[in-house]
C-alpha atoms as a PDB file:
ATOM      1  CA  UNK A   1       0.045   0.070   0.075  1.00  0.00           C
ATOM      2  CA  UNK A   2       2.832   2.261   0.738  1.00  0.00           C
ATOM      3  CA  UNK A   3       4.165   1.738  -2.607  1.00  0.00           C
ATOM      4  CA  UNK A   4       1.002   2.721  -4.378  1.00  0.00           C
ATOM      5  CA  UNK A   5       0.806   5.859  -2.227  1.00  0.00           C
ATOM      6  CA  UNK A   6       4.299   7.052  -3.240  1.00  0.00           C
ATOM      7  CA  UNK A   7       3.376   6.108  -6.819  1.00  0.00           C
ATOM      8  CA  UNK A   8       0.389   8.329  -6.713  1.00  0.00           C
ATOM      9  CA  UNK A   9       2.458  11.196  -5.222  1.00  0.00           C
ATOM     10  CA  UNK A  10       4.993  10.866  -8.055  1.00  0.00           C
ATOM     11  CA  UNK A  11       2.157  10.831 -10.680  1.00  0.00           C
ATOM     12  CA  UNK A  12       0.564  13.766  -9.339  1.00  0.00           C
ATOM     13  CA  UNK A  13       3.979  15.680  -9.015  1.00  0.00           C
ATOM     14  CA  UNK A  14       4.864  15.315 -12.661  1.00  0.00           C
ATOM     15  CA  UNK A  15       1.305  16.549 -13.543  1.00  0.00           C
ATOM     16  CA  UNK A  16       1.790  19.440 -11.365  1.00  0.00           C
ATOM     17  CA  UNK A  17       5.259  20.352 -12.699  1.00  0.00           C
ATOM     18  CA  UNK A  18       3.807  20.082 -16.409  1.00  0.00           C
ATOM     19  CA  UNK A  19       1.006  22.640 -15.628  1.00  0.00           C
ATOM     20  CA  UNK A  20       3.384  24.886 -13.801  1.00  0.00           C
ATOM     21  CA  UNK A  21       5.629  24.964 -17.008  1.00  0.00           C
ATOM     22  CA  UNK A  22       2.892  25.294 -19.511  1.00  0.00           C
ATOM     23  CA  UNK A  23       0.290  27.488 -17.900  1.00  0.00           C
ATOM     24  CA  UNK A  24       2.026  28.955 -14.822  1.00  0.00           C
ATOM     25  CA  UNK A  25       0.254  27.094 -11.883  1.00  0.00           C
ATOM     26  CA  UNK A  26      -1.611  24.008 -11.239  1.00  0.00           C
ATOM     27  CA  UNK A  27      -4.754  25.829  -9.978  1.00  0.00           C
ATOM     28  CA  UNK A  28      -5.903  29.281 -11.150  1.00  0.00           C
ATOM     29  CA  UNK A  29      -3.204  29.390 -13.930  1.00  0.00           C
ATOM     30  CA  UNK A  30      -2.159  33.042 -14.627  1.00  0.00           C
ATOM     31  CA  UNK A  31      -0.862  32.584 -18.173  1.00  0.00           C
ATOM     32  CA  UNK A  32      -3.900  31.549 -20.266  1.00  0.00           C
ATOM     33  CA  UNK A  33      -6.002  34.684 -21.310  1.00  0.00           C
ATOM     34  CA  UNK A  34      -8.662  35.564 -23.760  1.00  0.00           C
ATOM     35  CA  UNK A  35      -7.300  34.945 -27.173  1.00  0.00           C
ATOM     36  CA  UNK A  36      -4.032  33.195 -26.325  1.00  0.00           C
ATOM     37  CA  UNK A  37      -1.406  33.321 -23.466  1.00  0.00           C
ATOM     38  CA  UNK A  38       0.379  35.780 -21.628  1.00  0.00           C
ATOM     39  CA  UNK A  39       3.747  33.917 -21.671  1.00  0.00           C
ATOM     40  CA  UNK A  40       4.879  30.856 -23.675  1.00  0.00           C
ATOM     41  CA  UNK A  41       6.324  27.902 -21.821  1.00  0.00           C
ATOM     42  CA  UNK A  42      10.052  27.401 -21.607  1.00  0.00           C
ATOM     43  CA  UNK A  43      11.011  24.577 -24.104  1.00  0.00           C
ATOM     44  CA  UNK A  44      14.278  23.917 -22.372  1.00  0.00           C
ATOM     45  CA  UNK A  45      12.310  22.405 -19.615  1.00  0.00           C
ATOM     46  CA  UNK A  46      10.658  19.790 -21.831  1.00  0.00           C
ATOM     47  CA  UNK A  47      13.300  17.267 -22.073  1.00  0.00           C
ATOM     48  CA  UNK A  48      13.414  16.874 -18.194  1.00  0.00           C
ATOM     49  CA  UNK A  49       9.511  16.423 -18.104  1.00  0.00           C
ATOM     50  CA  UNK A  50       9.839  13.945 -21.024  1.00  0.00           C
ATOM     51  CA  UNK A  51      12.456  11.817 -18.906  1.00  0.00           C
ATOM     52  CA  UNK A  52      10.170  11.915 -15.728  1.00  0.00           C
ATOM     53  CA  UNK A  53       7.029  10.951 -17.760  1.00  0.00           C
ATOM     54  CA  UNK A  54       8.885   7.896 -19.051  1.00  0.00           C
ATOM     55  CA  UNK A  55      10.119   7.084 -15.636  1.00  0.00           C
ATOM     56  CA  UNK A  56       6.609   7.343 -14.163  1.00  0.00           C
ATOM     57  CA  UNK A  57       4.925   4.952 -16.815  1.00  0.00           C
ATOM     58  CA  UNK A  58       5.856   1.521 -14.708  1.00  0.00           C
ATOM     59  CA  UNK A  59       4.232   3.252 -11.591  1.00  0.00           C
ATOM     60  CA  UNK A  60       0.939   4.155 -13.500  1.00  0.00           C
ATOM     61  CA  UNK A  61       0.900   0.494 -14.853  1.00  0.00           C
ATOM     62  CA  UNK A  62       1.276  -0.727 -11.340  1.00  0.00           C
ATOM     63  CA  UNK A  63      -1.897   1.205 -10.358  1.00  0.00           C
ATOM     64  CA  UNK A  64      -3.767  -0.088 -13.531  1.00  0.00           C
ATOM     65  CA  UNK A  65      -2.908  -3.763 -12.347  1.00  0.00           C
ATOM     66  CA  UNK A  66      -3.961  -3.036  -8.792  1.00  0.00           C
ATOM     67  CA  UNK A  67      -7.404  -1.776  -9.828  1.00  0.00           C
ATOM     68  CA  UNK A  68      -7.756  -4.631 -12.238  1.00  0.00           C
ATOM     69  CA  UNK A  69      -7.217  -7.102  -9.391  1.00  0.00           C
ATOM     70  CA  UNK A  70      -9.851  -5.388  -7.216  1.00  0.00           C
ATOM     71  CA  UNK A  71     -12.825  -7.568  -7.386  1.00  0.00           C
ATOM     72  CA  UNK A  72     -15.478  -5.034  -6.110  1.00  0.00           C
ATOM     73  CA  UNK A  73     -18.547  -5.267  -8.264  1.00  0.00           C
ATOM     74  CA  UNK A  74     -21.852  -3.337  -8.694  1.00  0.00           C
ATOM     75  CA  UNK A  75     -23.281  -4.036 -11.999  1.00  0.00           C
ATOM     76  CA  UNK A  76     -26.438  -2.031 -13.445  1.00  0.00           C
ATOM     77  CA  UNK A  77     -27.227  -1.440 -16.953  1.00  0.00           C
ATOM     78  CA  UNK A  78     -26.980   2.202 -17.671  1.00  0.00           C
ATOM     79  CA  UNK A  79     -26.593   4.803 -20.596  1.00  0.00           C
ATOM     80  CA  UNK A  80     -23.051   6.293 -20.974  1.00  0.00           C
ATOM     81  CA  UNK A  81     -22.230   9.780 -22.325  1.00  0.00           C
ATOM     82  CA  UNK A  82     -18.842  11.356 -23.514  1.00  0.00           C
ATOM     83  CA  UNK A  83     -17.216  13.423 -26.263  1.00  0.00           C
ATOM     84  CA  UNK A  84     -15.870  11.543 -29.239  1.00  0.00           C
ATOM     85  CA  UNK A  85     -13.501  12.807 -31.852  1.00  0.00           C
ATOM     86  CA  UNK A  86     -13.038  10.085 -34.393  1.00  0.00           C
ATOM     87  CA  UNK A  87      -9.427  11.245 -34.988  1.00  0.00           C
ATOM     88  CA  UNK A  88      -8.001  10.776 -31.400  1.00  0.00           C
ATOM     89  CA  UNK A  89      -8.843  10.101 -27.698  1.00  0.00           C
ATOM     90  CA  UNK A  90      -9.969  13.876 -27.176  1.00  0.00           C
ATOM     91  CA  UNK A  91     -10.858  15.642 -23.992  1.00  0.00           C
ATOM     92  CA  UNK A  92     -11.602  18.985 -25.709  1.00  0.00           C
ATOM     93  CA  UNK A  93     -13.200  18.474 -28.928  1.00  0.00           C
ATOM     94  CA  UNK A  94     -15.991  16.222 -30.473  1.00  0.00           C
ATOM     95  CA  UNK A  95     -19.557  15.427 -30.502  1.00  0.00           C
ATOM     96  CA  UNK A  96     -21.483  13.876 -27.496  1.00  0.00           C
ATOM     97  CA  UNK A  97     -22.096  10.104 -28.199  1.00  0.00           C
ATOM     98  CA  UNK A  98     -24.181   7.735 -26.058  1.00  0.00           C
ATOM     99  CA  UNK A  99     -24.317   3.865 -25.646  1.00  0.00           C
ATOM    100  CA  UNK A 100     -26.980   3.678 -28.493  1.00  0.00           C
ATOM    101  CA  UNK A 101     -24.925   5.458 -30.955  1.00  0.00           C
ATOM    102  CA  UNK A 102     -26.788   8.826 -30.915  1.00  0.00           C
ATOM    103  CA  UNK A 103     -24.453  11.584 -31.816  1.00  0.00           C
ATOM    104  CA  UNK A 104     -25.102  15.290 -30.732  1.00  0.00           C
ATOM    105  CA  UNK A 105     -22.995  18.275 -31.681  1.00  0.00           C
ATOM    106  CA  UNK A 106     -21.656  20.035 -28.455  1.00  0.00           C
ATOM    107  CA  UNK A 107     -23.578  23.259 -28.953  1.00  0.00           C
ATOM    108  CA  UNK A 108     -26.796  21.375 -28.814  1.00  0.00           C
ATOM    109  CA  UNK A 109     -25.929  19.228 -25.906  1.00  0.00           C
ATOM    110  CA  UNK A 110     -28.099  21.040 -23.367  1.00  0.00           C
ATOM    111  CA  UNK A 111     -31.301  20.646 -25.810  1.00  0.00           C
ATOM    112  CA  UNK A 112     -31.025  16.853 -25.205  1.00  0.00           C
ATOM    113  CA  UNK A 113     -30.980  17.141 -21.295  1.00  0.00           C
ATOM    114  CA  UNK A 114     -33.922  16.765 -19.102  1.00  0.00           C
ATOM    115  CA  UNK A 115     -33.419  18.793 -15.986  1.00  0.00           C
ATOM    116  CA  UNK A 116     -34.696  16.866 -12.941  1.00  0.00           C
ATOM    117  CA  UNK A 117     -35.486  18.739  -9.621  1.00  0.00           C
ATOM    118  CA  UNK A 118     -34.788  16.326  -6.900  1.00  0.00           C
ATOM    119  CA  UNK A 119     -37.550  17.120  -4.326  1.00  0.00           C
ATOM    120  CA  UNK A 120     -35.832  15.935  -1.043  1.00  0.00           C
ATOM    121  CA  UNK A 121     -32.523  17.837  -1.934  1.00  0.00           C
ATOM    122  CA  UNK A 122     -30.966  21.075  -3.188  1.00  0.00           C
ATOM    123  CA  UNK A 123     -29.121  18.827  -5.747  1.00  0.00           C
ATOM    124  CA  UNK A 124     -29.850  18.982  -9.493  1.00  0.00           C
ATOM    125  CA  UNK A 125     -30.061  15.940 -11.818  1.00  0.00           C
ATOM    126  CA  UNK A 126     -30.375  15.291 -15.456  1.00  0.00           C
ATOM    127  CA  UNK A 127     -31.682  12.565 -17.886  1.00  0.00           C
ATOM    128  CA  UNK A 128     -30.661  12.231 -21.510  1.00  0.00           C
ATOM    129  CA  UNK A 129     -33.865  12.863 -23.603  1.00  0.00           C
ATOM    130  CA  UNK A 130     -33.151  10.167 -26.029  1.00  0.00           C
ATOM    131  CA  UNK A 131     -33.588   7.378 -23.391  1.00  0.00           C
ATOM    132  CA  UNK A 132     -35.347   9.350 -20.597  1.00  0.00           C
ATOM    133  CA  UNK A 133     -33.033   7.653 -18.160  1.00  0.00           C
ATOM    134  CA  UNK A 134     -30.148   8.521 -15.916  1.00  0.00           C
ATOM    135  CA  UNK A 135     -26.587   8.217 -17.391  1.00  0.00           C
ATOM    136  CA  UNK A 136     -23.066   8.222 -16.501  1.00  0.00           C
ATOM    137  CA  UNK A 137     -20.200  10.629 -17.362  1.00  0.00           C
ATOM    138  CA  UNK A 138     -16.629  10.169 -16.725  1.00  0.00           C
ATOM    139  CA  UNK A 139     -13.772   7.826 -17.293  1.00  0.00           C
ATOM    140  CA  UNK A 140     -15.859   4.729 -17.497  1.00  0.00           C
ATOM    141  CA  UNK A 141     -18.040   6.195 -20.213  1.00  0.00           C
ATOM    142  CA  UNK A 142     -15.001   7.307 -22.129  1.00  0.00           C
ATOM    143  CA  UNK A 143     -13.386   3.855 -22.018  1.00  0.00           C
ATOM    144  CA  UNK A 144     -16.488   2.145 -22.959  1.00  0.00           C
ATOM    145  CA  UNK A 145     -17.074   4.318 -26.005  1.00  0.00           C
ATOM    146  CA  UNK A 146     -13.763   5.540 -27.037  1.00  0.00           C
ATOM    147  CA  UNK A 147     -11.262   2.665 -26.135  1.00  0.00           C
ATOM    148  CA  UNK A 148     -10.378   2.362 -29.856  1.00  0.00           C
ATOM    149  CA  UNK A 149      -8.813   5.901 -29.837  1.00  0.00           C
ATOM    150  CA  UNK A 150      -6.381   5.352 -26.951  1.00  0.00           C
ATOM    151  CA  UNK A 151      -2.728   6.108 -27.726  1.00  0.00           C
ATOM    152  CA  UNK A 152      -1.182   3.195 -29.372  1.00  0.00           C
ATOM    153  CA  UNK A 153       1.487   2.804 -26.843  1.00  0.00           C
ATOM    154  CA  UNK A 154      -1.191   2.739 -23.998  1.00  0.00           C
ATOM    155  CA  UNK A 155      -3.120   0.064 -25.881  1.00  0.00           C
ATOM    156  CA  UNK A 156      -0.172  -2.115 -26.190  1.00  0.00           C
ATOM    157  CA  UNK A 157       0.846  -1.946 -22.602  1.00  0.00           C
ATOM    158  CA  UNK A 158      -2.644  -1.855 -21.130  1.00  0.00           C
ATOM    159  CA  UNK A 159      -3.975  -4.661 -23.470  1.00  0.00           C
ATOM    160  CA  UNK A 160      -4.434  -7.050 -20.756  1.00  0.00           C
ATOM    161  CA  UNK A 161      -6.729  -4.835 -18.834  1.00  0.00           C
ATOM    162  CA  UNK A 162      -8.838  -3.291 -21.794  1.00  0.00           C
ATOM    163  CA  UNK A 163     -10.752  -6.492 -22.186  1.00  0.00           C
ATOM    164  CA  UNK A 164     -12.723  -5.393 -19.181  1.00  0.00           C
ATOM    165  CA  UNK A 165     -14.387  -2.756 -21.313  1.00  0.00           C
ATOM    166  CA  UNK A 166     -17.051  -2.107 -22.215  1.00  0.00           C
ATOM    167  CA  UNK A 167     -18.431  -2.574 -18.610  1.00  0.00           C
ATOM    168  CA  UNK A 168     -21.331  -1.831 -16.521  1.00  0.00           C
ATOM    169  CA  UNK A 169     -19.483  -2.276 -13.139  1.00  0.00           C
ATOM    170  CA  UNK A 170     -19.154   1.112 -11.598  1.00  0.00           C
ATOM    171  CA  UNK A 171     -16.058   0.181  -9.790  1.00  0.00           C
ATOM    172  CA  UNK A 172     -14.257  -0.189 -13.172  1.00  0.00           C
ATOM    173  CA  UNK A 173     -14.382   3.699 -13.261  1.00  0.00           C
ATOM    174  CA  UNK A 174     -11.258   3.558 -11.124  1.00  0.00           C
ATOM    175  CA  UNK A 175      -9.460   1.190 -13.491  1.00  0.00           C
ATOM    176  CA  UNK A 176     -10.625   3.507 -16.452  1.00  0.00           C
ATOM    177  CA  UNK A 177      -9.087   6.531 -14.830  1.00  0.00           C
ATOM    178  CA  UNK A 178      -5.741   4.632 -14.145  1.00  0.00           C
ATOM    179  CA  UNK A 179      -5.733   3.704 -17.951  1.00  0.00           C
ATOM    180  CA  UNK A 180      -6.541   7.283 -18.983  1.00  0.00           C
ATOM    181  CA  UNK A 181      -3.624   8.481 -16.815  1.00  0.00           C
ATOM    182  CA  UNK A 182      -1.373   6.260 -18.852  1.00  0.00           C
ATOM    183  CA  UNK A 183      -2.916   7.565 -22.079  1.00  0.00           C
ATOM    184  CA  UNK A 184      -2.140  11.132 -20.885  1.00  0.00           C
ATOM    185  CA  UNK A 185       1.380  10.220 -19.971  1.00  0.00           C
ATOM    186  CA  UNK A 186       1.888   8.825 -23.519  1.00  0.00           C
ATOM    187  CA  UNK A 187       0.157  11.591 -25.203  1.00  0.00           C
ATOM    188  CA  UNK A 188       2.120  14.225 -23.190  1.00  0.00           C
ATOM    189  CA  UNK A 189       5.460  12.657 -24.086  1.00  0.00           C
ATOM    190  CA  UNK A 190       4.412  13.064 -27.758  1.00  0.00           C
ATOM    191  CA  UNK A 191       3.363  16.694 -27.518  1.00  0.00           C
ATOM    192  CA  UNK A 192       6.445  17.620 -25.566  1.00  0.00           C
ATOM    193  CA  UNK A 193       8.695  16.128 -28.092  1.00  0.00           C
ATOM    194  CA  UNK A 194       7.069  17.483 -31.293  1.00  0.00           C
ATOM    195  CA  UNK A 195       5.570  20.909 -30.355  1.00  0.00           C
ATOM    196  CA  UNK A 196       7.118  23.978 -31.632  1.00  0.00           C
ATOM    197  CA  UNK A 197       6.735  27.073 -29.531  1.00  0.00           C
ATOM    198  CA  UNK A 198       6.075  30.135 -31.592  1.00  0.00           C
ATOM    199  CA  UNK A 199       5.660  33.842 -30.056  1.00  0.00           C
ATOM    200  CA  UNK A 200       2.092  34.915 -30.640  1.00  0.00           C
ATOM    201  CA  UNK A 201       0.279  37.935 -29.353  1.00  0.00           C
ATOM    202  CA  UNK A 202      -3.049  37.214 -27.892  1.00  0.00           C
ATOM    203  CA  UNK A 203      -5.871  37.848 -30.334  1.00  0.00           C
ATOM    204  CA  UNK A 204      -8.182  40.570 -29.190  1.00  0.00           C
ATOM    205  CA  UNK A 205     -11.658  41.234 -30.776  1.00  0.00           C
ATOM    206  CA  UNK A 206     -14.105  43.956 -30.190  1.00  0.00           C
ATOM    207  CA  UNK A 207     -17.010  43.010 -28.016  1.00  0.00           C
ATOM    208  CA  UNK A 208     -20.394  41.838 -29.685  1.00  0.00           C
ATOM    209  CA  UNK A 209     -23.573  40.273 -28.644  1.00  0.00           C
ATOM    210  CA  UNK A 210     -23.879  36.582 -28.760  1.00  0.00           C
ATOM    211  CA  UNK A 211     -23.865  33.338 -26.924  1.00  0.00           C
ATOM    212  CA  UNK A 212     -20.980  31.022 -26.489  1.00  0.00           C
ATOM    213  CA  UNK A 213     -20.944  27.249 -25.612  1.00  0.00           C
ATOM    214  CA  UNK A 214     -18.066  25.224 -24.398  1.00  0.00           C
ATOM    215  CA  UNK A 215     -18.228  21.600 -23.752  1.00  0.00           C
ATOM    216  CA  UNK A 216     -15.205  19.556 -22.645  1.00  0.00           C
ATOM    217  CA  UNK A 217     -14.326  16.302 -20.777  1.00  0.00           C
ATOM    218  CA  UNK A 218     -13.201  17.084 -17.282  1.00  0.00           C
ATOM    219  CA  UNK A 219     -11.636  14.274 -15.433  1.00  0.00           C
ATOM    220  CA  UNK A 220     -15.031  13.508 -13.883  1.00  0.00           C
ATOM    221  CA  UNK A 221     -16.913  13.783 -17.199  1.00  0.00           C
ATOM    222  CA  UNK A 222     -18.769  16.096 -19.532  1.00  0.00           C
ATOM    223  CA  UNK A 223     -18.532  19.933 -18.414  1.00  0.00           C
ATOM    224  CA  UNK A 224     -20.783  22.503 -20.059  1.00  0.00           C
ATOM    225  CA  UNK A 225     -20.603  26.251 -19.944  1.00  0.00           C
ATOM    226  CA  UNK A 226     -22.797  28.656 -21.513  1.00  0.00           C
ATOM    227  CA  UNK A 227     -22.304  32.485 -21.640  1.00  0.00           C
ATOM    228  CA  UNK A 228     -24.618  35.049 -23.280  1.00  0.00           C
ATOM    229  CA  UNK A 229     -23.167  38.548 -23.599  1.00  0.00           C
ATOM    230  CA  UNK A 230     -24.596  41.834 -24.997  1.00  0.00           C
ATOM    231  CA  UNK A 231     -23.126  44.397 -27.510  1.00  0.00           C
ATOM    232  CA  UNK A 232     -20.855  45.921 -24.702  1.00  0.00           C
ATOM    233  CA  UNK A 233     -19.525  42.400 -23.953  1.00  0.00           C
ATOM    234  CA  UNK A 234     -21.301  42.220 -20.509  1.00  0.00           C
ATOM    235  CA  UNK A 235     -22.321  38.640 -19.453  1.00  0.00           C
ATOM    236  CA  UNK A 236     -26.156  38.665 -18.989  1.00  0.00           C
ATOM    237  CA  UNK A 237     -26.729  35.054 -18.505  1.00  0.00           C
ATOM    238  CA  UNK A 238     -24.336  32.086 -17.462  1.00  0.00           C
ATOM    239  CA  UNK A 239     -25.093  28.455 -16.964  1.00  0.00           C
ATOM    240  CA  UNK A 240     -22.863  25.565 -15.838  1.00  0.00           C
ATOM    241  CA  UNK A 241     -23.679  21.777 -15.858  1.00  0.00           C
ATOM    242  CA  UNK A 242     -20.967  19.920 -13.907  1.00  0.00           C
ATOM    243  CA  UNK A 243     -20.219  16.132 -14.208  1.00  0.00           C
ATOM    244  CA  UNK A 244     -21.265  15.281 -10.564  1.00  0.00           C
ATOM    245  CA  UNK A 245     -24.711  16.860 -11.157  1.00  0.00           C
ATOM    246  CA  UNK A 246     -25.103  14.687 -14.234  1.00  0.00           C
ATOM    247  CA  UNK A 247     -24.117  11.596 -12.414  1.00  0.00           C
ATOM    248  CA  UNK A 248     -26.304  12.383  -9.457  1.00  0.00           C
ATOM    249  CA  UNK A 249     -29.385  10.473 -10.294  1.00  0.00           C
ATOM    250  CA  UNK A 250     -27.198   7.589 -11.287  1.00  0.00           C
ATOM    251  CA  UNK A 251     -25.438   7.448  -7.964  1.00  0.00           C
ATOM    252  CA  UNK A 252     -28.783   7.337  -6.013  1.00  0.00           C
ATOM    253  CA  UNK A 253     -30.083   4.590  -8.293  1.00  0.00           C
ATOM    254  CA  UNK A 254     -27.041   2.670  -7.583  1.00  0.00           C
ATOM    255  CA  UNK A 255     -27.209   3.043  -3.841  1.00  0.00           C
ATOM    256  CA  UNK A 256     -30.757   2.062  -3.980  1.00  0.00           C
ATOM    257  CA  UNK A 257     -30.045  -1.137  -5.959  1.00  0.00           C
ATOM    258  CA  UNK A 258     -27.177  -2.008  -3.513  1.00  0.00           C
ATOM    259  CA  UNK A 259     -29.245  -1.570  -0.345  1.00  0.00           C
ATOM    260  CA  UNK A 260     -32.253  -3.500  -1.845  1.00  0.00           C
ATOM    261  CA  UNK A 261     -29.869  -6.539  -2.326  1.00  0.00           C
ATOM    262  CA  UNK A 262     -27.745  -6.153   0.752  1.00  0.00           C
ATOM    263  CA  UNK A 263     -29.978  -5.382   3.808  1.00  0.00           C
ATOM    264  CA  UNK A 264     -28.982  -8.364   5.528  1.00  0.00           C
ATOM    265  CA  UNK A 265     -25.442  -7.007   5.960  1.00  0.00           C
ATOM    266  CA  UNK A 266     -24.400  -5.221   9.198  1.00  0.00           C
ATOM    267  CA  UNK A 267     -24.662  -1.418   9.455  1.00  0.00           C
ATOM    268  CA  UNK A 268     -20.943  -0.712   9.279  1.00  0.00           C
ATOM    269  CA  UNK A 269     -20.421  -2.807   6.097  1.00  0.00           C
ATOM    270  CA  UNK A 270     -23.282  -1.129   4.552  1.00  0.00           C
ATOM    271  CA  UNK A 271     -21.928   2.286   5.372  1.00  0.00           C
ATOM    272  CA  UNK A 272     -18.426   1.407   3.987  1.00  0.00           C
ATOM    273  CA  UNK A 273     -19.735  -0.057   0.852  1.00  0.00           C
ATOM    274  CA  UNK A 274     -22.138   2.909   0.231  1.00  0.00           C
ATOM    275  CA  UNK A 275     -19.035   5.223   0.584  1.00  0.00           C
ATOM    276  CA  UNK A 276     -16.992   3.085  -1.854  1.00  0.00           C
ATOM    277  CA  UNK A 277     -19.935   3.155  -4.409  1.00  0.00           C
ATOM    278  CA  UNK A 278     -20.030   6.909  -4.271  1.00  0.00           C
ATOM    279  CA  UNK A 279     -16.368   7.487  -4.423  1.00  0.00           C
ATOM    280  CA  UNK A 280     -16.037   5.275  -7.372  1.00  0.00           C
ATOM    281  CA  UNK A 281     -17.830   7.941  -9.325  1.00  0.00           C
ATOM    282  CA  UNK A 282     -15.184  10.456  -8.208  1.00  0.00           C
ATOM    283  CA  UNK A 283     -17.546  13.105  -7.159  1.00  0.00           C
ATOM    284  CA  UNK A 284     -16.549  16.754  -6.581  1.00  0.00           C
ATOM    285  CA  UNK A 285     -14.717  17.331  -3.267  1.00  0.00           C
ATOM    286  CA  UNK A 286     -17.546  18.553  -1.308  1.00  0.00           C
ATOM    287  CA  UNK A 287     -19.853  15.641  -2.466  1.00  0.00           C
ATOM    288  CA  UNK A 288     -17.032  13.150  -1.677  1.00  0.00           C
ATOM    289  CA  UNK A 289     -16.533  14.716   1.713  1.00  0.00           C
ATOM    290  CA  UNK A 290     -20.182  15.269   2.907  1.00  0.00           C
ATOM    291  CA  UNK A 291     -22.366  12.906   1.012  1.00  0.00           C
ATOM    292  CA  UNK A 292     -23.239  10.142   3.582  1.00  0.00           C
ATOM    293  CA  UNK A 293     -25.421  10.455   6.478  1.00  0.00           C
ATOM    294  CA  UNK A 294     -27.503   7.377   7.224  1.00  0.00           C
ATOM    295  CA  UNK A 295     -30.388   7.190   9.491  1.00  0.00           C
ATOM    296  CA  UNK A 296     -31.087   3.738  10.647  1.00  0.00           C
ATOM    297  CA  UNK A 297     -34.827   2.908  11.181  1.00  0.00           C
ATOM    298  CA  UNK A 298     -35.339  -0.532  13.108  1.00  0.00           C
ATOM    299  CA  UNK A 299     -38.563  -2.123  13.041  1.00  0.00           C
END
């Protein structure tokens, strides 16, 4: 366990160092700006990053093997949604696809969502209008629908574990995340080896009225932003749909299914298993910390 803990720190550290070089900080990066970047990354730092990425690959593979050997299982048929770019495994561009092959252009994504007001909670939920059912976003959805687009080196080294997908076992979301980390390591090595840095001034355009939509794959799944601005460039309306909100109904349905099948277990086992189910979705930090309070009613 200690080895895996140190592995995770090493993987996190190289990721943080890459973001420091490219965008100035790991959180609230100061260099990206509207229309470009305030300062280019220093390419003299790339060789060291490449060397460290190569060195961390065996540690990522060890994590993949560990999650593949974890026998936890909660299987429930569900719909999956993610971005798909037929040219590459992409977190930034593509159409939204689902398990039935439906393809939706990113700007139209919200038109296909059914907002669900959860009556006993302040949380929001969504259903996909094609199926009228809850759905899952995140690494498991991406591996289920985009496995063929993974980096060739990732596919070679992770081949023994990719046979698990497509999967309806929510715990395989952790395995999918580990495989995605390897893909990102391999993709980052290629980018750092081949990119050519050119000085470019940020592009500034005069304000105009309009509506802009952004849809990307955050680590936890589809992240939607919409901004509406007037002629002066003032934002008049803004909407955000985060991955955890999209997984909300699915998480609750998984918990209902689990409890309905396992009420004969003791209270502590039920609590621990419920926590592991929710955290398998990798919800946002506040949800992962404060999500579970069980009131036991004995008859």
